[in-house]
Amino acid sequence: MANAGTDGNICGIGVANPFTFSGIASTGTGTWTQISGPGISTFSDNQDAVSDVTVNTSGTYVYRWTEVSGSCTDFDEVTVNFYSPLLVQAGNDQIVCNGTTVTLGNSPTAVGGDGNYTYSWTSIPAGFISSTSNPAATATATTTFQVTVSDGSVCADVSDDILLLLLTNYH
C-alpha cells in the first residue's frame, strides 16, 4: 500500500528551500510526480520515497507517490505549501514637526508568508505599543518605531524600523 507521508509547509522557493517527503516505500517501485501546482517541481530523486523537492514558484502543490508491484498499482498524495518569504516595511524615515501625526507602515505593511499576520509595534524611547498594521503615532520627540511581523506559518518573524526625526529649529 502506497504511503506518501505527511503534508508540509515551506517558507521560500528554490534549492535553498527544499521539502523532504516522508513517504514509506513498500514492495515494488515507486515514483513521485507533481499532480498540481503553479510552477515547476524538481526532485532530487523521484524514485526515492524520502526525496527532496524544490519549486520555482510559490503556491500549493500536490504530489503523488505511485507504487507498482507486479500487476498492482497504488498511490497516495501529499499537499505542500511553498510560501513566499515574509517581508515587512515600516515606512520611510521622515522629518516632522512637533505634534504631527504619522501613519506608520506601508500599504501593505507585510507581504508573503501565509497572510495571517500579527503585528507588534514598539518605540525607542519606549512608550508606544500597537498591534495594528498601520497605527498612527504623534511626534513629540525624535523616535524610532519598530514593527515585528509574524505570519503563523513556517516563515521566520521579520522586523523593520521607521525614524521620525523631530524638527526643532524652524520658523
N, C-alpha and C. Protein backbone atom coordinates (compact mmCIF):
# COMPACT_ATOMS: atom_id res chain seq x y z
N MET A 1 0.84 -1.18 0.00
CA MET A 1 0.00 0.00 0.00
C MET A 1 0.89 1.24 0.00
N ALA A 2 0.64 2.17 -0.91
CA ALA A 2 1.44 3.38 -1.04
C ALA A 2 1.20 4.30 0.16
N ASN A 3 2.28 4.91 0.66
CA ASN A 3 2.21 5.87 1.76
C ASN A 3 3.11 7.04 1.42
N ALA A 4 2.51 8.18 1.06
CA ALA A 4 3.26 9.37 0.65
C ALA A 4 3.80 10.16 1.83
N GLY A 5 3.38 9.84 3.04
CA GLY A 5 3.84 10.60 4.21
C GLY A 5 2.91 11.75 4.54
N THR A 6 3.48 12.78 5.16
CA THR A 6 2.67 13.88 5.66
C THR A 6 2.79 15.12 4.78
N ASP A 7 1.73 15.95 4.82
CA ASP A 7 1.71 17.25 4.14
C ASP A 7 2.76 18.16 4.79
N GLY A 8 3.02 19.31 4.16
CA GLY A 8 4.01 20.20 4.74
C GLY A 8 3.91 21.63 4.27
N ASN A 9 4.69 22.48 4.93
CA ASN A 9 4.79 23.91 4.64
C ASN A 9 6.26 24.29 4.60
N ILE A 10 6.63 25.09 3.59
CA ILE A 10 8.00 25.56 3.44
C ILE A 10 7.96 27.06 3.18
N CYS A 11 8.87 27.80 3.82
CA CYS A 11 8.99 29.24 3.57
C CYS A 11 10.09 29.44 2.55
N GLY A 12 9.73 29.85 1.34
CA GLY A 12 10.70 30.11 0.30
C GLY A 12 10.61 29.09 -0.82
N ILE A 13 11.33 29.39 -1.89
CA ILE A 13 11.38 28.52 -3.06
C ILE A 13 12.83 28.32 -3.47
N GLY A 14 13.05 27.42 -4.41
CA GLY A 14 14.39 27.19 -4.95
C GLY A 14 15.18 26.19 -4.14
N VAL A 15 16.43 25.96 -4.56
CA VAL A 15 17.25 24.90 -3.99
C VAL A 15 17.56 25.11 -2.51
N ALA A 16 17.50 26.33 -2.03
CA ALA A 16 17.78 26.60 -0.61
C ALA A 16 16.59 26.26 0.29
N ASN A 17 15.45 25.94 -0.31
CA ASN A 17 14.23 25.70 0.47
C ASN A 17 13.52 24.42 0.02
N PRO A 18 14.16 23.27 0.20
CA PRO A 18 13.53 22.02 -0.24
C PRO A 18 12.50 21.50 0.77
N PHE A 19 11.57 20.73 0.26
CA PHE A 19 10.67 19.94 1.12
C PHE A 19 11.14 18.49 1.01
N THR A 20 11.28 17.82 2.15
CA THR A 20 11.68 16.42 2.15
C THR A 20 10.44 15.56 2.39
N PHE A 21 10.12 14.74 1.41
CA PHE A 21 8.98 13.83 1.54
C PHE A 21 9.25 12.84 2.67
N SER A 22 8.18 12.39 3.31
CA SER A 22 8.30 11.39 4.38
C SER A 22 7.57 10.11 4.00
N GLY A 23 7.60 9.80 2.71
CA GLY A 23 6.94 8.60 2.22
C GLY A 23 7.60 7.33 2.75
N ILE A 24 6.84 6.25 2.71
CA ILE A 24 7.35 4.96 3.15
C ILE A 24 7.24 3.99 1.98
N ALA A 25 8.40 3.54 1.50
CA ALA A 25 8.42 2.62 0.36
C ALA A 25 8.01 1.23 0.81
N SER A 26 7.24 0.56 -0.01
CA SER A 26 6.89 -0.84 0.27
C SER A 26 7.52 -1.70 -0.83
N THR A 27 6.87 -2.73 -1.27
CA THR A 27 7.45 -3.59 -2.32
C THR A 27 7.25 -2.97 -3.69
N GLY A 28 8.05 -3.34 -4.63
CA GLY A 28 7.93 -2.82 -5.99
C GLY A 28 8.72 -1.54 -6.16
N THR A 29 8.33 -0.76 -7.16
CA THR A 29 9.00 0.50 -7.45
C THR A 29 8.04 1.66 -7.23
N GLY A 30 8.60 2.78 -6.79
CA GLY A 30 7.79 3.96 -6.54
C GLY A 30 8.30 5.15 -7.33
N THR A 31 7.38 6.10 -7.60
CA THR A 31 7.73 7.29 -8.35
C THR A 31 6.92 8.48 -7.85
N TRP A 32 7.61 9.61 -7.63
CA TRP A 32 6.96 10.88 -7.30
C TRP A 32 6.61 11.62 -8.59
N THR A 33 5.40 12.21 -8.64
CA THR A 33 5.01 13.08 -9.74
C THR A 33 4.27 14.28 -9.17
N GLN A 34 4.36 15.40 -9.86
CA GLN A 34 3.61 16.59 -9.50
C GLN A 34 2.23 16.48 -10.13
N ILE A 35 1.18 16.57 -9.30
CA ILE A 35 -0.20 16.49 -9.79
C ILE A 35 -0.73 17.89 -10.08
N SER A 36 -0.41 18.85 -9.20
CA SER A 36 -0.87 20.23 -9.42
C SER A 36 0.09 21.19 -8.73
N GLY A 37 -0.04 22.44 -9.09
CA GLY A 37 0.80 23.50 -8.54
C GLY A 37 1.11 24.51 -9.61
N PRO A 38 1.41 25.74 -9.20
CA PRO A 38 1.59 26.83 -10.17
C PRO A 38 2.93 26.85 -10.90
N GLY A 39 3.90 26.06 -10.45
CA GLY A 39 5.22 26.12 -11.06
C GLY A 39 5.78 24.76 -11.40
N ILE A 40 7.10 24.73 -11.57
CA ILE A 40 7.82 23.52 -11.93
C ILE A 40 8.50 22.95 -10.69
N SER A 41 8.36 21.64 -10.48
CA SER A 41 9.00 20.94 -9.37
C SER A 41 10.23 20.20 -9.86
N THR A 42 11.26 20.20 -9.01
CA THR A 42 12.48 19.43 -9.30
C THR A 42 12.71 18.47 -8.15
N PHE A 43 12.79 17.19 -8.45
CA PHE A 43 13.00 16.14 -7.45
C PHE A 43 14.48 15.78 -7.39
N SER A 44 15.01 15.57 -6.18
CA SER A 44 16.40 15.10 -6.08
C SER A 44 16.50 13.67 -6.58
N ASP A 45 15.44 12.88 -6.38
CA ASP A 45 15.36 11.51 -6.90
C ASP A 45 13.90 11.11 -6.87
N ASN A 46 13.22 11.16 -7.99
CA ASN A 46 11.77 10.93 -7.99
C ASN A 46 11.40 9.47 -7.74
N GLN A 47 12.40 8.58 -7.55
CA GLN A 47 12.10 7.18 -7.24
C GLN A 47 12.45 6.83 -5.80
N ASP A 48 12.72 7.85 -4.99
CA ASP A 48 13.05 7.66 -3.57
C ASP A 48 11.90 8.23 -2.74
N ALA A 49 11.33 7.42 -1.85
CA ALA A 49 10.17 7.85 -1.05
C ALA A 49 10.49 9.04 -0.15
N VAL A 50 11.76 9.23 0.18
CA VAL A 50 12.16 10.35 1.05
C VAL A 50 13.03 11.36 0.28
N SER A 51 12.69 11.56 -0.97
CA SER A 51 13.37 12.51 -1.84
C SER A 51 13.07 13.95 -1.41
N ASP A 52 13.89 14.88 -1.87
CA ASP A 52 13.61 16.31 -1.72
C ASP A 52 12.95 16.82 -2.99
N VAL A 53 12.13 17.87 -2.83
CA VAL A 53 11.55 18.54 -3.98
C VAL A 53 11.70 20.05 -3.76
N THR A 54 12.04 20.76 -4.84
CA THR A 54 12.07 22.22 -4.82
C THR A 54 11.18 22.74 -5.94
N VAL A 55 10.75 23.99 -5.80
CA VAL A 55 9.86 24.58 -6.80
C VAL A 55 10.40 25.95 -7.21
N ASN A 56 9.91 26.44 -8.35
CA ASN A 56 10.34 27.74 -8.83
C ASN A 56 9.29 28.83 -8.63
N THR A 57 8.13 28.48 -8.09
CA THR A 57 7.04 29.44 -7.89
C THR A 57 6.33 29.12 -6.58
N SER A 58 6.05 30.13 -5.77
CA SER A 58 5.30 29.93 -4.53
C SER A 58 3.89 29.47 -4.84
N GLY A 59 3.33 28.68 -3.92
CA GLY A 59 1.96 28.22 -4.07
C GLY A 59 1.76 26.85 -3.45
N THR A 60 0.59 26.28 -3.69
CA THR A 60 0.22 24.98 -3.15
C THR A 60 0.40 23.93 -4.24
N TYR A 61 1.10 22.86 -3.86
CA TYR A 61 1.41 21.77 -4.79
C TYR A 61 0.88 20.46 -4.23
N VAL A 62 0.42 19.59 -5.11
CA VAL A 62 0.03 18.23 -4.74
C VAL A 62 0.98 17.27 -5.45
N TYR A 63 1.54 16.34 -4.66
CA TYR A 63 2.47 15.34 -5.20
C TYR A 63 1.90 13.94 -4.96
N ARG A 64 2.14 13.07 -5.92
CA ARG A 64 1.64 11.70 -5.84
C ARG A 64 2.83 10.73 -5.80
N TRP A 65 2.77 9.82 -4.80
CA TRP A 65 3.72 8.71 -4.70
C TRP A 65 2.98 7.49 -5.23
N THR A 66 3.43 6.97 -6.38
CA THR A 66 2.79 5.81 -7.02
C THR A 66 3.73 4.62 -6.90
N GLU A 67 3.19 3.50 -6.40
CA GLU A 67 3.97 2.27 -6.29
C GLU A 67 3.38 1.20 -7.21
N VAL A 68 4.28 0.51 -7.91
CA VAL A 68 3.89 -0.57 -8.81
C VAL A 68 4.62 -1.83 -8.35
N SER A 69 3.84 -2.89 -8.11
CA SER A 69 4.40 -4.18 -7.72
C SER A 69 3.67 -5.25 -8.54
N GLY A 70 4.37 -5.78 -9.54
CA GLY A 70 3.73 -6.76 -10.42
C GLY A 70 2.61 -6.10 -11.20
N SER A 71 1.42 -6.65 -11.08
CA SER A 71 0.27 -6.07 -11.79
C SER A 71 -0.53 -5.12 -10.91
N CYS A 72 -0.06 -4.87 -9.70
CA CYS A 72 -0.77 -3.99 -8.75
C CYS A 72 -0.16 -2.58 -8.74
N THR A 73 -1.05 -1.59 -8.70
CA THR A 73 -0.63 -0.18 -8.62
C THR A 73 -1.44 0.49 -7.52
N ASP A 74 -0.75 1.31 -6.72
CA ASP A 74 -1.42 2.07 -5.66
C ASP A 74 -0.72 3.42 -5.56
N PHE A 75 -1.46 4.42 -5.09
CA PHE A 75 -0.83 5.74 -4.91
C PHE A 75 -1.40 6.43 -3.69
N ASP A 76 -0.65 7.43 -3.22
CA ASP A 76 -1.04 8.30 -2.12
C ASP A 76 -0.52 9.69 -2.45
N GLU A 77 -1.19 10.72 -1.92
CA GLU A 77 -0.81 12.09 -2.24
C GLU A 77 -0.55 12.93 -0.99
N VAL A 78 0.31 13.93 -1.16
CA VAL A 78 0.57 14.93 -0.12
C VAL A 78 0.43 16.32 -0.72
N THR A 79 0.09 17.27 0.12
CA THR A 79 -0.01 18.67 -0.27
C THR A 79 1.08 19.45 0.43
N VAL A 80 1.81 20.24 -0.34
CA VAL A 80 2.89 21.06 0.22
C VAL A 80 2.66 22.51 -0.18
N ASN A 81 2.68 23.40 0.83
CA ASN A 81 2.56 24.84 0.59
C ASN A 81 3.95 25.45 0.62
N PHE A 82 4.35 26.07 -0.48
CA PHE A 82 5.60 26.82 -0.55
C PHE A 82 5.22 28.30 -0.47
N TYR A 83 5.52 28.93 0.68
CA TYR A 83 5.16 30.33 0.90
C TYR A 83 6.27 31.26 0.43
N SER A 84 5.88 32.44 -0.08
CA SER A 84 6.86 33.49 -0.36
C SER A 84 7.46 33.94 0.97
N PRO A 85 8.75 34.29 0.99
CA PRO A 85 9.33 34.79 2.24
C PRO A 85 8.56 36.00 2.75
N LEU A 86 8.49 36.13 4.05
CA LEU A 86 7.79 37.23 4.70
C LEU A 86 8.63 38.49 4.60
N LEU A 87 8.03 39.57 4.13
CA LEU A 87 8.69 40.87 4.02
C LEU A 87 7.87 41.91 4.75
N VAL A 88 8.55 42.87 5.39
CA VAL A 88 7.85 43.92 6.13
C VAL A 88 8.47 45.26 5.80
N GLN A 89 7.63 46.31 5.80
CA GLN A 89 8.09 47.67 5.51
C GLN A 89 7.41 48.61 6.50
N ALA A 90 8.22 49.16 7.42
CA ALA A 90 7.68 50.07 8.44
C ALA A 90 7.35 51.44 7.87
N GLY A 91 7.89 51.76 6.71
CA GLY A 91 7.67 53.07 6.10
C GLY A 91 8.99 53.81 5.97
N ASN A 92 8.95 54.93 5.29
CA ASN A 92 10.16 55.73 5.08
C ASN A 92 10.39 56.66 6.26
N ASP A 93 11.67 56.82 6.62
CA ASP A 93 12.03 57.78 7.67
C ASP A 93 11.51 59.16 7.26
N GLN A 94 11.12 59.96 8.27
CA GLN A 94 10.54 61.27 7.98
C GLN A 94 11.06 62.32 8.95
N ILE A 95 11.14 63.56 8.47
CA ILE A 95 11.40 64.71 9.32
C ILE A 95 10.05 65.38 9.53
N VAL A 96 9.66 65.55 10.80
CA VAL A 96 8.31 66.04 11.11
C VAL A 96 8.37 67.16 12.16
N CYS A 97 7.32 67.92 12.20
CA CYS A 97 7.17 68.97 13.21
C CYS A 97 6.52 68.38 14.46
N ASN A 98 6.77 69.03 15.60
CA ASN A 98 6.18 68.61 16.86
C ASN A 98 4.66 68.55 16.74
N GLY A 99 4.06 67.45 17.18
CA GLY A 99 2.62 67.29 17.15
C GLY A 99 2.06 66.69 15.88
N THR A 100 2.92 66.42 14.89
CA THR A 100 2.47 65.82 13.63
C THR A 100 2.11 64.36 13.86
N THR A 101 0.95 63.95 13.34
CA THR A 101 0.54 62.56 13.42
C THR A 101 0.88 61.88 12.11
N VAL A 102 1.55 60.72 12.22
CA VAL A 102 2.02 59.97 11.07
C VAL A 102 1.44 58.56 11.13
N THR A 103 0.97 58.07 9.98
CA THR A 103 0.54 56.67 9.89
C THR A 103 1.77 55.83 9.59
N LEU A 104 2.06 54.87 10.47
CA LEU A 104 3.23 54.02 10.32
C LEU A 104 2.93 52.84 9.40
N GLY A 105 3.96 52.31 8.78
CA GLY A 105 3.81 51.15 7.90
C GLY A 105 3.45 51.57 6.49
N ASN A 106 3.68 50.67 5.56
CA ASN A 106 3.30 50.89 4.17
C ASN A 106 1.96 50.25 3.92
N SER A 107 1.52 50.33 2.69
CA SER A 107 0.26 49.71 2.32
C SER A 107 0.53 48.71 1.21
N PRO A 108 0.69 47.42 1.51
CA PRO A 108 0.55 46.80 2.83
C PRO A 108 1.87 46.87 3.63
N THR A 109 1.75 46.73 4.93
CA THR A 109 2.93 46.70 5.79
C THR A 109 3.69 45.40 5.61
N ALA A 110 2.99 44.28 5.42
CA ALA A 110 3.62 42.97 5.27
C ALA A 110 3.09 42.26 4.04
N VAL A 111 3.97 41.46 3.40
CA VAL A 111 3.58 40.60 2.28
C VAL A 111 4.32 39.27 2.44
N GLY A 112 3.82 38.25 1.77
CA GLY A 112 4.45 36.93 1.82
C GLY A 112 3.88 36.09 2.94
N GLY A 113 4.55 34.96 3.22
CA GLY A 113 4.07 34.06 4.25
C GLY A 113 2.68 33.55 3.94
N ASP A 114 1.95 33.19 4.99
CA ASP A 114 0.61 32.65 4.77
C ASP A 114 -0.50 33.70 4.84
N GLY A 115 -0.13 34.96 5.12
CA GLY A 115 -1.12 36.04 5.13
C GLY A 115 -1.83 36.24 6.45
N ASN A 116 -1.60 35.40 7.44
CA ASN A 116 -2.23 35.56 8.77
C ASN A 116 -1.28 36.33 9.67
N TYR A 117 -1.19 37.64 9.44
CA TYR A 117 -0.18 38.46 10.10
C TYR A 117 -0.59 38.90 11.49
N THR A 118 0.39 38.94 12.38
CA THR A 118 0.26 39.63 13.66
C THR A 118 1.37 40.67 13.70
N TYR A 119 1.03 41.85 14.24
CA TYR A 119 1.95 42.97 14.27
C TYR A 119 2.28 43.34 15.71
N SER A 120 3.52 43.72 15.92
CA SER A 120 3.95 44.21 17.24
C SER A 120 4.82 45.44 17.02
N TRP A 121 4.25 46.61 17.28
CA TRP A 121 4.97 47.88 17.16
C TRP A 121 5.46 48.31 18.53
N THR A 122 6.71 48.76 18.59
CA THR A 122 7.29 49.33 19.81
C THR A 122 8.08 50.57 19.41
N SER A 123 8.59 51.29 20.42
CA SER A 123 9.32 52.52 20.11
C SER A 123 10.55 52.67 21.01
N ILE A 124 11.50 53.47 20.49
CA ILE A 124 12.66 53.92 21.26
C ILE A 124 12.71 55.44 21.08
N PRO A 125 12.50 56.22 22.13
CA PRO A 125 12.29 55.81 23.51
C PRO A 125 10.96 55.05 23.68
N ALA A 126 10.93 54.23 24.72
CA ALA A 126 9.77 53.38 24.99
C ALA A 126 8.52 54.23 25.26
N GLY A 127 7.38 53.58 25.08
CA GLY A 127 6.11 54.25 25.38
C GLY A 127 5.05 54.01 24.33
N PHE A 128 5.43 53.57 23.16
CA PHE A 128 4.46 53.31 22.09
C PHE A 128 4.36 51.81 21.87
N ILE A 129 3.13 51.30 21.88
CA ILE A 129 2.86 49.89 21.61
C ILE A 129 1.58 49.82 20.78
N SER A 130 1.61 49.00 19.74
CA SER A 130 0.41 48.78 18.93
C SER A 130 0.48 47.40 18.30
N SER A 131 -0.70 46.84 18.03
CA SER A 131 -0.77 45.54 17.35
C SER A 131 -1.55 45.64 16.03
N THR A 132 -1.72 46.85 15.52
CA THR A 132 -2.40 47.04 14.24
C THR A 132 -1.36 47.17 13.13
N SER A 133 -1.77 47.00 11.90
CA SER A 133 -0.82 47.04 10.79
C SER A 133 -0.32 48.45 10.50
N ASN A 134 -1.16 49.44 10.63
CA ASN A 134 -0.80 50.82 10.30
C ASN A 134 -1.26 51.78 11.39
N PRO A 135 -0.62 51.74 12.56
CA PRO A 135 -1.04 52.61 13.64
C PRO A 135 -0.62 54.06 13.38
N ALA A 136 -1.29 54.97 14.05
CA ALA A 136 -0.94 56.39 14.00
C ALA A 136 -0.07 56.72 15.20
N ALA A 137 0.96 57.53 14.96
CA ALA A 137 1.85 57.97 16.04
C ALA A 137 2.02 59.48 15.93
N THR A 138 1.98 60.16 17.07
CA THR A 138 2.15 61.61 17.10
C THR A 138 3.55 61.93 17.58
N ALA A 139 4.25 62.74 16.80
CA ALA A 139 5.64 63.07 17.10
C ALA A 139 5.72 64.14 18.19
N THR A 140 6.36 63.77 19.29
CA THR A 140 6.65 64.74 20.36
C THR A 140 8.14 64.74 20.69
N ALA A 141 8.88 63.81 20.09
CA ALA A 141 10.33 63.71 20.22
C ALA A 141 10.82 62.86 19.05
N THR A 142 12.10 62.94 18.75
CA THR A 142 12.66 62.05 17.73
C THR A 142 12.51 60.62 18.24
N THR A 143 11.88 59.77 17.42
CA THR A 143 11.53 58.42 17.87
C THR A 143 11.76 57.42 16.74
N THR A 144 12.28 56.26 17.11
CA THR A 144 12.36 55.13 16.19
C THR A 144 11.23 54.17 16.55
N PHE A 145 10.44 53.83 15.56
CA PHE A 145 9.36 52.86 15.73
C PHE A 145 9.77 51.58 15.03
N GLN A 146 9.59 50.43 15.69
CA GLN A 146 9.93 49.15 15.10
C GLN A 146 8.69 48.27 15.06
N VAL A 147 8.49 47.61 13.91
CA VAL A 147 7.41 46.64 13.77
C VAL A 147 8.02 45.27 13.56
N THR A 148 7.50 44.29 14.27
CA THR A 148 7.86 42.89 14.06
C THR A 148 6.59 42.19 13.60
N VAL A 149 6.71 41.43 12.51
CA VAL A 149 5.55 40.75 11.92
C VAL A 149 5.77 39.25 11.96
N SER A 150 4.73 38.54 12.40
CA SER A 150 4.70 37.09 12.37
C SER A 150 3.52 36.69 11.51
N ASP A 151 3.64 35.55 10.81
CA ASP A 151 2.52 35.13 9.96
C ASP A 151 1.91 33.79 10.37
N GLY A 152 2.43 33.17 11.41
CA GLY A 152 1.84 31.92 11.88
C GLY A 152 2.20 30.71 11.05
N SER A 153 3.00 30.87 9.99
CA SER A 153 3.42 29.70 9.20
C SER A 153 4.87 29.38 9.54
N VAL A 154 5.56 28.78 8.64
CA VAL A 154 6.95 28.39 8.89
C VAL A 154 7.93 29.52 8.61
N CYS A 155 7.48 30.65 8.13
CA CYS A 155 8.37 31.77 7.87
C CYS A 155 8.80 32.44 9.18
N ALA A 156 10.05 32.83 9.24
CA ALA A 156 10.58 33.49 10.43
C ALA A 156 9.98 34.89 10.57
N ASP A 157 9.85 35.35 11.82
CA ASP A 157 9.40 36.71 12.08
C ASP A 157 10.40 37.69 11.46
N VAL A 158 9.90 38.83 10.99
CA VAL A 158 10.77 39.86 10.41
C VAL A 158 10.43 41.21 11.02
N SER A 159 11.42 42.10 11.03
CA SER A 159 11.25 43.42 11.64
C SER A 159 11.77 44.51 10.72
N ASP A 160 11.27 45.73 10.92
CA ASP A 160 11.76 46.90 10.21
C ASP A 160 11.52 48.13 11.08
N ASP A 161 12.28 49.19 10.83
CA ASP A 161 12.20 50.43 11.62
C ASP A 161 11.80 51.61 10.74
N ILE A 162 11.21 52.61 11.40
CA ILE A 162 10.98 53.91 10.78
C ILE A 162 11.41 54.95 11.82
N LEU A 163 12.13 55.97 11.36
CA LEU A 163 12.59 57.04 12.24
C LEU A 163 11.76 58.28 11.95
N LEU A 164 11.17 58.86 13.01
CA LEU A 164 10.53 60.16 12.91
C LEU A 164 11.45 61.15 13.60
N LEU A 165 12.13 61.96 12.80
CA LEU A 165 13.08 62.93 13.31
C LEU A 165 12.34 64.23 13.54
N LEU A 166 12.31 64.67 14.79
CA LEU A 166 11.56 65.87 15.16
C LEU A 166 12.36 67.10 14.75
N LEU A 167 11.75 67.95 13.93
CA LEU A 167 12.36 69.20 13.52
C LEU A 167 12.15 70.20 14.63
N THR A 168 13.25 70.69 15.21
CA THR A 168 13.14 71.56 16.40
C THR A 168 13.43 73.03 16.10
N ASN A 169 14.23 73.33 15.09
CA ASN A 169 14.58 74.73 14.78
C ASN A 169 13.97 75.15 13.45
N TYR A 170 12.74 75.57 13.49
CA TYR A 170 12.10 76.03 12.28
C TYR A 170 11.35 77.32 12.57
N HIS A 171 11.16 78.10 11.52
CA HIS A 171 10.46 79.38 11.69
C HIS A 171 9.30 79.46 10.75
